[in-house]
Amino acid sequence: MEIAVGDIVKLKKQHPCGSYEWEVLRTGADFRLKCLGCGHQIMIPRKTVEKSIKGIRKQ
């Protein structure tokens, strides 16, 4: 799966703020994602992200 820094990914589960979309800030073994609804940042394993992606918007 080709995911690059700056892409917007739509995940299956909703963030508590109500947003489904996250911006990719860092790639590698882990991803750093920033919620587009509230700005919260998380580090999450690549395997987990790849399983929960619903769609990708290239920037």
C-alpha atoms as a PDB file:
ATOM      1  CA  MET A   1       0.000   0.000   0.000  1.00  0.00           C
ATOM      2  CA  GLU A   2       1.467   3.361  -1.070  1.00  0.00           C
ATOM      3  CA  ILE A   3       0.989   5.973   1.639  1.00  0.00           C
ATOM      4  CA  ALA A   4       3.163   9.099   1.677  1.00  0.00           C
ATOM      5  CA  VAL A   5       3.637  12.007   4.052  1.00  0.00           C
ATOM      6  CA  GLY A   6       0.932  14.604   3.440  1.00  0.00           C
ATOM      7  CA  ASP A   7      -1.736  12.133   2.297  1.00  0.00           C
ATOM      8  CA  ILE A   8      -5.173  12.221   3.928  1.00  0.00           C
ATOM      9  CA  VAL A   9      -6.444   8.790   5.016  1.00  0.00           C
ATOM     10  CA  LYS A  10     -10.024   7.952   5.914  1.00  0.00           C
ATOM     11  CA  LEU A  11     -10.260   5.297   8.644  1.00  0.00           C
ATOM     12  CA  LYS A  12     -13.122   2.905   9.420  1.00  0.00           C
ATOM     13  CA  LYS A  13     -13.549   4.034  13.026  1.00  0.00           C
ATOM     14  CA  GLN A  14     -14.544   7.540  14.020  1.00  0.00           C
ATOM     15  CA  HIS A  15     -12.337   9.640  16.325  1.00  0.00           C
ATOM     16  CA  PRO A  16     -14.162  10.875  19.474  1.00  0.00           C
ATOM     17  CA  CYS A  17     -14.241  14.401  17.969  1.00  0.00           C
ATOM     18  CA  GLY A  18     -16.351  13.066  15.079  1.00  0.00           C
ATOM     19  CA  SER A  19     -13.758  13.065  12.269  1.00  0.00           C
ATOM     20  CA  TYR A  20     -12.810  10.056  10.132  1.00  0.00           C
ATOM     21  CA  GLU A  21      -9.936  11.783   8.296  1.00  0.00           C
ATOM     22  CA  TRP A  22      -6.288  11.885   9.359  1.00  0.00           C
ATOM     23  CA  GLU A  23      -3.215  13.516   7.812  1.00  0.00           C
ATOM     24  CA  VAL A  24      -0.051  11.378   7.556  1.00  0.00           C
ATOM     25  CA  LEU A  25       2.857  13.222   9.218  1.00  0.00           C
ATOM     26  CA  ARG A  26       5.413  10.356   9.308  1.00  0.00           C
ATOM     27  CA  THR A  27       5.747   6.909   7.736  1.00  0.00           C
ATOM     28  CA  GLY A  28       7.873   3.867   8.522  1.00  0.00           C
ATOM     29  CA  ALA A  29       7.258   0.955  10.883  1.00  0.00           C
ATOM     30  CA  ASP A  30       4.860   3.322  12.703  1.00  0.00           C
ATOM     31  CA  PHE A  31       2.711   6.131  11.334  1.00  0.00           C
ATOM     32  CA  ARG A  32       2.235   9.524  12.973  1.00  0.00           C
ATOM     33  CA  LEU A  33      -1.287  10.701  12.171  1.00  0.00           C
ATOM     34  CA  LYS A  34      -2.966  14.043  12.889  1.00  0.00           C
ATOM     35  CA  CYS A  35      -6.739  14.205  13.250  1.00  0.00           C
ATOM     36  CA  LEU A  36      -8.209  16.771  10.860  1.00  0.00           C
ATOM     37  CA  GLY A  37     -11.093  17.434  13.240  1.00  0.00           C
ATOM     38  CA  CYS A  38      -9.303  18.387  16.453  1.00  0.00           C
ATOM     39  CA  GLY A  39      -5.561  18.279  15.652  1.00  0.00           C
ATOM     40  CA  HIS A  40      -4.766  15.379  18.017  1.00  0.00           C
ATOM     41  CA  GLN A  41      -1.643  13.428  16.984  1.00  0.00           C
ATOM     42  CA  ILE A  42      -1.061   9.700  17.473  1.00  0.00           C
ATOM     43  CA  MET A  43       1.616   7.112  16.686  1.00  0.00           C
ATOM     44  CA  ILE A  44       0.133   3.859  15.422  1.00  0.00           C
ATOM     45  CA  PRO A  45       1.722   0.680  13.968  1.00  0.00           C
ATOM     46  CA  ARG A  46       1.723   0.352  10.158  1.00  0.00           C
ATOM     47  CA  LYS A  47      -0.153  -2.972  10.272  1.00  0.00           C
ATOM     48  CA  THR A  48      -3.036  -1.442  12.255  1.00  0.00           C
ATOM     49  CA  VAL A  49      -3.332   1.549   9.899  1.00  0.00           C
ATOM     50  CA  GLU A  50      -3.271  -0.606   6.756  1.00  0.00           C
ATOM     51  CA  LYS A  51      -6.108  -2.761   8.129  1.00  0.00           C
ATOM     52  CA  SER A  52      -8.321   0.181   9.085  1.00  0.00           C
ATOM     53  CA  ILE A  53      -7.958   2.389   5.973  1.00  0.00           C
ATOM     54  CA  LYS A  54     -11.155   2.995   4.039  1.00  0.00           C
ATOM     55  CA  GLY A  55      -9.710   5.461   1.501  1.00  0.00           C
ATOM     56  CA  ILE A  56      -6.683   7.603   0.628  1.00  0.00           C
ATOM     57  CA  ARG A  57      -6.636  11.149  -0.746  1.00  0.00           C
ATOM     58  CA  LYS A  58      -3.299  12.145  -2.281  1.00  0.00           C
ATOM     59  CA  GLN A  59      -2.016  15.665  -1.610  1.00  0.00           C
END
